[in-house]
Amino acid sequence: GMLRMGQWFRAVSPAVVRGMLAGI
């Protein structure tokens, strides 16, 4: 957060994020 990397953590394909949540 101090290094201003907040936006980078959002740079993940929606298919991967949704797949991660569904897998969980």
PDB file of all heavy atoms in Angstrom:
ATOM      1  N   GLY A   1       0.813  -1.209   0.000  1.00  0.00           N
ATOM      2  CA  GLY A   1       0.000   0.000   0.000  1.00  0.00           C
ATOM      3  C   GLY A   1       0.844   1.256   0.000  1.00  0.00           C
ATOM      4  O   GLY A   1       0.548   2.221  -0.718  1.00  0.00           O
ATOM      5  N   MET A   2       1.925   1.266   0.792  1.00  0.00           N
ATOM      6  CA  MET A   2       2.818   2.428   0.848  1.00  0.00           C
ATOM      7  C   MET A   2       3.552   2.625  -0.479  1.00  0.00           C
ATOM      8  O   MET A   2       3.887   3.755  -0.848  1.00  0.00           O
ATOM      9  CB  MET A   2       3.814   2.257   1.988  1.00  0.00           C
ATOM     10  CG  MET A   2       3.165   2.267   3.371  1.00  0.00           C
ATOM     11  SD  MET A   2       4.345   1.939   4.699  1.00  0.00           S
ATOM     12  CE  MET A   2       5.365   3.416   4.621  1.00  0.00           C
ATOM     13  N   LEU A   3       3.797   1.523  -1.200  1.00  0.00           N
ATOM     14  CA  LEU A   3       4.471   1.599  -2.505  1.00  0.00           C
ATOM     15  C   LEU A   3       3.477   1.839  -3.645  1.00  0.00           C
ATOM     16  O   LEU A   3       3.844   1.734  -4.812  1.00  0.00           O
ATOM     17  CB  LEU A   3       5.252   0.302  -2.759  1.00  0.00           C
ATOM     18  CG  LEU A   3       6.438   0.052  -1.818  1.00  0.00           C
ATOM     19  CD1 LEU A   3       7.012  -1.339  -2.040  1.00  0.00           C
ATOM     20  CD2 LEU A   3       7.519   1.112  -2.010  1.00  0.00           C
ATOM     21  N   ARG A   4       2.234   2.109  -3.297  1.00  0.00           N
ATOM     22  CA  ARG A   4       1.175   2.427  -4.273  1.00  0.00           C
ATOM     23  C   ARG A   4       0.960   1.295  -5.280  1.00  0.00           C
ATOM     24  O   ARG A   4       0.871   1.509  -6.488  1.00  0.00           O
ATOM     25  CB  ARG A   4       1.502   3.742  -5.008  1.00  0.00           C
ATOM     26  CG  ARG A   4       1.615   4.934  -4.077  1.00  0.00           C
ATOM     27  CD  ARG A   4       1.818   6.224  -4.832  1.00  0.00           C
ATOM     28  NE  ARG A   4       1.912   7.349  -3.938  1.00  0.00           N
ATOM     29  CZ  ARG A   4       0.869   7.988  -3.394  1.00  0.00           C
ATOM     30  NH1 ARG A   4      -0.364   7.570  -3.675  1.00  0.00           N
ATOM     31  NH2 ARG A   4       1.041   9.024  -2.587  1.00  0.00           N
ATOM     32  N   MET A   5       0.858   0.086  -4.748  1.00  0.00           N
ATOM     33  CA  MET A   5       0.640  -1.090  -5.596  1.00  0.00           C
ATOM     34  C   MET A   5      -0.814  -1.544  -5.579  1.00  0.00           C
ATOM     35  O   MET A   5      -1.128  -2.641  -6.044  1.00  0.00           O
ATOM     36  CB  MET A   5       1.553  -2.233  -5.137  1.00  0.00           C
ATOM     37  CG  MET A   5       3.027  -1.937  -5.285  1.00  0.00           C
ATOM     38  SD  MET A   5       4.068  -3.252  -4.600  1.00  0.00           S
ATOM     39  CE  MET A   5       3.616  -4.630  -5.654  1.00  0.00           C
ATOM     40  N   GLY A   6      -1.698  -0.717  -5.040  1.00  0.00           N
ATOM     41  CA  GLY A   6      -3.095  -1.114  -4.906  1.00  0.00           C
ATOM     42  C   GLY A   6      -3.740  -1.491  -6.223  1.00  0.00           C
ATOM     43  O   GLY A   6      -4.476  -2.477  -6.314  1.00  0.00           O
ATOM     44  N   GLN A   7      -3.472  -0.712  -7.275  1.00  0.00           N
ATOM     45  CA  GLN A   7      -4.094  -0.994  -8.564  1.00  0.00           C
ATOM     46  C   GLN A   7      -3.581  -2.296  -9.172  1.00  0.00           C
ATOM     47  O   GLN A   7      -4.307  -2.992  -9.879  1.00  0.00           O
ATOM     48  CB  GLN A   7      -3.822   0.160  -9.535  1.00  0.00           C
ATOM     49  CG  GLN A   7      -4.452   1.479  -9.130  1.00  0.00           C
ATOM     50  CD  GLN A   7      -5.960   1.485  -9.262  1.00  0.00           C
ATOM     51  OE1 GLN A   7      -6.543   0.586  -9.853  1.00  0.00           O
ATOM     52  NE2 GLN A   7      -6.616   2.488  -8.686  1.00  0.00           N
ATOM     53  N   TRP A   8      -2.319  -2.661  -8.885  1.00  0.00           N
ATOM     54  CA  TRP A   8      -1.745  -3.858  -9.489  1.00  0.00           C
ATOM     55  C   TRP A   8      -2.427  -5.128  -9.000  1.00  0.00           C
ATOM     56  O   TRP A   8      -2.482  -6.120  -9.722  1.00  0.00           O
ATOM     57  CB  TRP A   8      -0.250  -3.924  -9.198  1.00  0.00           C
ATOM     58  CG  TRP A   8       0.535  -2.961 -10.027  1.00  0.00           C
ATOM     59  CD1 TRP A   8       1.004  -1.737  -9.639  1.00  0.00           C
ATOM     60  CD2 TRP A   8       0.909  -3.108 -11.404  1.00  0.00           C
ATOM     61  NE1 TRP A   8       1.651  -1.121 -10.684  1.00  0.00           N
ATOM     62  CE2 TRP A   8       1.613  -1.945 -11.780  1.00  0.00           C
ATOM     63  CE3 TRP A   8       0.712  -4.109 -12.355  1.00  0.00           C
ATOM     64  CZ2 TRP A   8       2.119  -1.768 -13.057  1.00  0.00           C
ATOM     65  CZ3 TRP A   8       1.223  -3.933 -13.627  1.00  0.00           C
ATOM     66  CH2 TRP A   8       1.918  -2.775 -13.968  1.00  0.00           C
ATOM     67  N   PHE A   9      -2.910  -5.105  -7.760  1.00  0.00           N
ATOM     68  CA  PHE A   9      -3.576  -6.295  -7.233  1.00  0.00           C
ATOM     69  C   PHE A   9      -4.913  -6.550  -7.922  1.00  0.00           C
ATOM     70  O   PHE A   9      -5.503  -7.608  -7.755  1.00  0.00           O
ATOM     71  CB  PHE A   9      -3.785  -6.162  -5.724  1.00  0.00           C
ATOM     72  CG  PHE A   9      -2.578  -6.519  -4.915  1.00  0.00           C
ATOM     73  CD1 PHE A   9      -1.667  -5.553  -4.539  1.00  0.00           C
ATOM     74  CD2 PHE A   9      -2.341  -7.829  -4.547  1.00  0.00           C
ATOM     75  CE1 PHE A   9      -0.547  -5.883  -3.802  1.00  0.00           C
ATOM     76  CE2 PHE A   9      -1.224  -8.171  -3.804  1.00  0.00           C
ATOM     77  CZ  PHE A   9      -0.316  -7.197  -3.429  1.00  0.00           C
ATOM     78  N   ARG A  10      -5.374  -5.568  -8.680  1.00  0.00           N
ATOM     79  CA  ARG A  10      -6.635  -5.751  -9.410  1.00  0.00           C
ATOM     80  C   ARG A  10      -6.396  -6.279 -10.819  1.00  0.00           C
ATOM     81  O   ARG A  10      -7.340  -6.600 -11.527  1.00  0.00           O
ATOM     82  CB  ARG A  10      -7.378  -4.420  -9.496  1.00  0.00           C
ATOM     83  CG  ARG A  10      -7.674  -3.805  -8.142  1.00  0.00           C
ATOM     84  CD  ARG A  10      -8.257  -2.423  -8.283  1.00  0.00           C
ATOM     85  NE  ARG A  10      -9.539  -2.457  -8.945  1.00  0.00           N
ATOM     86  CZ  ARG A  10     -10.038  -1.450  -9.653  1.00  0.00           C
ATOM     87  NH1 ARG A  10      -9.358  -0.340  -9.802  1.00  0.00           N
ATOM     88  NH2 ARG A  10     -11.222  -1.549 -10.222  1.00  0.00           N
ATOM     89  N   ALA A  11      -5.109  -6.358 -11.227  1.00  0.00           N
ATOM     90  CA  ALA A  11      -4.779  -6.759 -12.597  1.00  0.00           C
ATOM     91  C   ALA A  11      -4.770  -8.272 -12.748  1.00  0.00           C
ATOM     92  O   ALA A  11      -3.743  -8.876 -13.053  1.00  0.00           O
ATOM     93  CB  ALA A  11      -3.428  -6.168 -12.988  1.00  0.00           C
ATOM     94  N   VAL A  12      -5.906  -8.888 -12.482  1.00  0.00           N
ATOM     95  CA  VAL A  12      -6.061 -10.333 -12.623  1.00  0.00           C
ATOM     96  C   VAL A  12      -7.301 -10.586 -13.474  1.00  0.00           C
ATOM     97  O   VAL A  12      -8.317  -9.908 -13.320  1.00  0.00           O
ATOM     98  CB  VAL A  12      -6.205 -11.024 -11.249  1.00  0.00           C
ATOM     99  CG1 VAL A  12      -6.319 -12.531 -11.424  1.00  0.00           C
ATOM    100  CG2 VAL A  12      -5.027 -10.694 -10.351  1.00  0.00           C
ATOM    101  N   SER A  13      -7.187 -11.544 -14.375  1.00  0.00           N
ATOM    102  CA  SER A  13      -8.307 -11.868 -15.252  1.00  0.00           C
ATOM    103  C   SER A  13      -9.560 -12.184 -14.442  1.00  0.00           C
ATOM    104  O   SER A  13      -9.501 -12.932 -13.463  1.00  0.00           O
ATOM    105  CB  SER A  13      -7.946 -13.075 -16.122  1.00  0.00           C
ATOM    106  OG  SER A  13      -9.097 -13.603 -16.753  1.00  0.00           O
ATOM    107  N   PRO A  14     -10.717 -11.622 -14.816  1.00  0.00           N
ATOM    108  CA  PRO A  14     -11.974 -11.943 -14.108  1.00  0.00           C
ATOM    109  C   PRO A  14     -12.264 -13.435 -14.076  1.00  0.00           C
ATOM    110  O   PRO A  14     -12.826 -13.944 -13.106  1.00  0.00           O
ATOM    111  CB  PRO A  14     -13.033 -11.181 -14.916  1.00  0.00           C
ATOM    112  CG  PRO A  14     -12.281 -10.062 -15.561  1.00  0.00           C
ATOM    113  CD  PRO A  14     -10.915 -10.601 -15.859  1.00  0.00           C
ATOM    114  N   ALA A  15     -11.873 -14.155 -15.130  1.00  0.00           N
ATOM    115  CA  ALA A  15     -12.109 -15.605 -15.156  1.00  0.00           C
ATOM    116  C   ALA A  15     -11.340 -16.294 -14.040  1.00  0.00           C
ATOM    117  O   ALA A  15     -11.829 -17.247 -13.421  1.00  0.00           O
ATOM    118  CB  ALA A  15     -11.698 -16.179 -16.511  1.00  0.00           C
ATOM    119  N   VAL A  16     -10.113 -15.814 -13.762  1.00  0.00           N
ATOM    120  CA  VAL A  16      -9.304 -16.403 -12.694  1.00  0.00           C
ATOM    121  C   VAL A  16      -9.898 -16.058 -11.330  1.00  0.00           C
ATOM    122  O   VAL A  16      -9.999 -16.919 -10.447  1.00  0.00           O
ATOM    123  CB  VAL A  16      -7.840 -15.917 -12.779  1.00  0.00           C
ATOM    124  CG1 VAL A  16      -7.024 -16.484 -11.620  1.00  0.00           C
ATOM    125  CG2 VAL A  16      -7.223 -16.329 -14.102  1.00  0.00           C
ATOM    126  N   VAL A  17     -10.302 -14.800 -11.161  1.00  0.00           N
ATOM    127  CA  VAL A  17     -10.868 -14.369  -9.874  1.00  0.00           C
ATOM    128  C   VAL A  17     -12.165 -15.125  -9.584  1.00  0.00           C
ATOM    129  O   VAL A  17     -12.359 -15.662  -8.486  1.00  0.00           O
ATOM    130  CB  VAL A  17     -11.125 -12.844  -9.877  1.00  0.00           C
ATOM    131  CG1 VAL A  17     -11.851 -12.434  -8.599  1.00  0.00           C
ATOM    132  CG2 VAL A  17      -9.813 -12.094 -10.011  1.00  0.00           C
ATOM    133  N   ARG A  18     -13.049 -15.186 -10.571  1.00  0.00           N
ATOM    134  CA  ARG A  18     -14.309 -15.907 -10.368  1.00  0.00           C
ATOM    135  C   ARG A  18     -14.062 -17.393 -10.161  1.00  0.00           C
ATOM    136  O   ARG A  18     -14.730 -18.051  -9.369  1.00  0.00           O
ATOM    137  CB  ARG A  18     -15.233 -15.693 -11.575  1.00  0.00           C
ATOM    138  CG  ARG A  18     -15.592 -14.238 -11.839  1.00  0.00           C
ATOM    139  CD  ARG A  18     -16.234 -13.600 -10.636  1.00  0.00           C
ATOM    140  NE  ARG A  18     -16.490 -12.185 -10.842  1.00  0.00           N
ATOM    141  CZ  ARG A  18     -16.857 -11.339  -9.881  1.00  0.00           C
ATOM    142  NH1 ARG A  18     -16.983 -11.795  -8.649  1.00  0.00           N
ATOM    143  NH2 ARG A  18     -17.063 -10.073 -10.126  1.00  0.00           N
ATOM    144  N   GLY A  19     -13.087 -17.932 -10.884  1.00  0.00           N
ATOM    145  CA  GLY A  19     -12.739 -19.336 -10.696  1.00  0.00           C
ATOM    146  C   GLY A  19     -12.169 -19.600  -9.322  1.00  0.00           C
ATOM    147  O   GLY A  19     -12.449 -20.640  -8.706  1.00  0.00           O
ATOM    148  N   MET A  20     -11.359 -18.654  -8.828  1.00  0.00           N
ATOM    149  CA  MET A  20     -10.804 -18.791  -7.481  1.00  0.00           C
ATOM    150  C   MET A  20     -11.918 -18.815  -6.438  1.00  0.00           C
ATOM    151  O   MET A  20     -11.936 -19.683  -5.554  1.00  0.00           O
ATOM    152  CB  MET A  20      -9.844 -17.638  -7.188  1.00  0.00           C
ATOM    153  CG  MET A  20      -9.235 -17.675  -5.788  1.00  0.00           C
ATOM    154  SD  MET A  20      -8.286 -16.189  -5.390  1.00  0.00           S
ATOM    155  CE  MET A  20      -9.611 -14.997  -5.120  1.00  0.00           C
ATOM    156  N   LEU A  21     -12.854 -17.887  -6.556  1.00  0.00           N
ATOM    157  CA  LEU A  21     -13.952 -17.833  -5.591  1.00  0.00           C
ATOM    158  C   LEU A  21     -14.833 -19.079  -5.683  1.00  0.00           C
ATOM    159  O   LEU A  21     -15.258 -19.628  -4.659  1.00  0.00           O
ATOM    160  CB  LEU A  21     -14.792 -16.577  -5.831  1.00  0.00           C
ATOM    161  CG  LEU A  21     -14.086 -15.241  -5.568  1.00  0.00           C
ATOM    162  CD1 LEU A  21     -14.988 -14.071  -5.930  1.00  0.00           C
ATOM    163  CD2 LEU A  21     -13.648 -15.135  -4.105  1.00  0.00           C
ATOM    164  N   ALA A  22     -15.086 -19.543  -6.910  1.00  0.00           N
ATOM    165  CA  ALA A  22     -15.906 -20.747  -7.075  1.00  0.00           C
ATOM    166  C   ALA A  22     -15.186 -21.972  -6.526  1.00  0.00           C
ATOM    167  O   ALA A  22     -15.803 -22.836  -5.888  1.00  0.00           O
ATOM    168  CB  ALA A  22     -16.240 -20.956  -8.548  1.00  0.00           C
ATOM    169  N   GLY A  23     -13.872 -22.062  -6.760  1.00  0.00           N
ATOM    170  CA  GLY A  23     -13.090 -23.177  -6.214  1.00  0.00           C
ATOM    171  C   GLY A  23     -13.126 -23.189  -4.705  1.00  0.00           C
ATOM    172  O   GLY A  23     -13.287 -24.249  -4.074  1.00  0.00           O
ATOM    173  N   ILE A  24     -12.986 -22.011  -4.108  1.00  0.00           N
ATOM    174  CA  ILE A  24     -13.086 -21.894  -2.655  1.00  0.00           C
ATOM    175  C   ILE A  24     -14.473 -22.316  -2.192  1.00  0.00           C
ATOM    176  O   ILE A  24     -14.637 -23.013  -1.183  1.00  0.00           O
ATOM    177  CB  ILE A  24     -12.772 -20.454  -2.206  1.00  0.00           C
ATOM    178  CG1 ILE A  24     -11.284 -20.148  -2.423  1.00  0.00           C
ATOM    179  CG2 ILE A  24     -13.140 -20.240  -0.742  1.00  0.00           C
ATOM    180  CD1 ILE A  24     -10.928 -18.695  -2.239  1.00  0.00           C
TER     181      ILE A  24
END
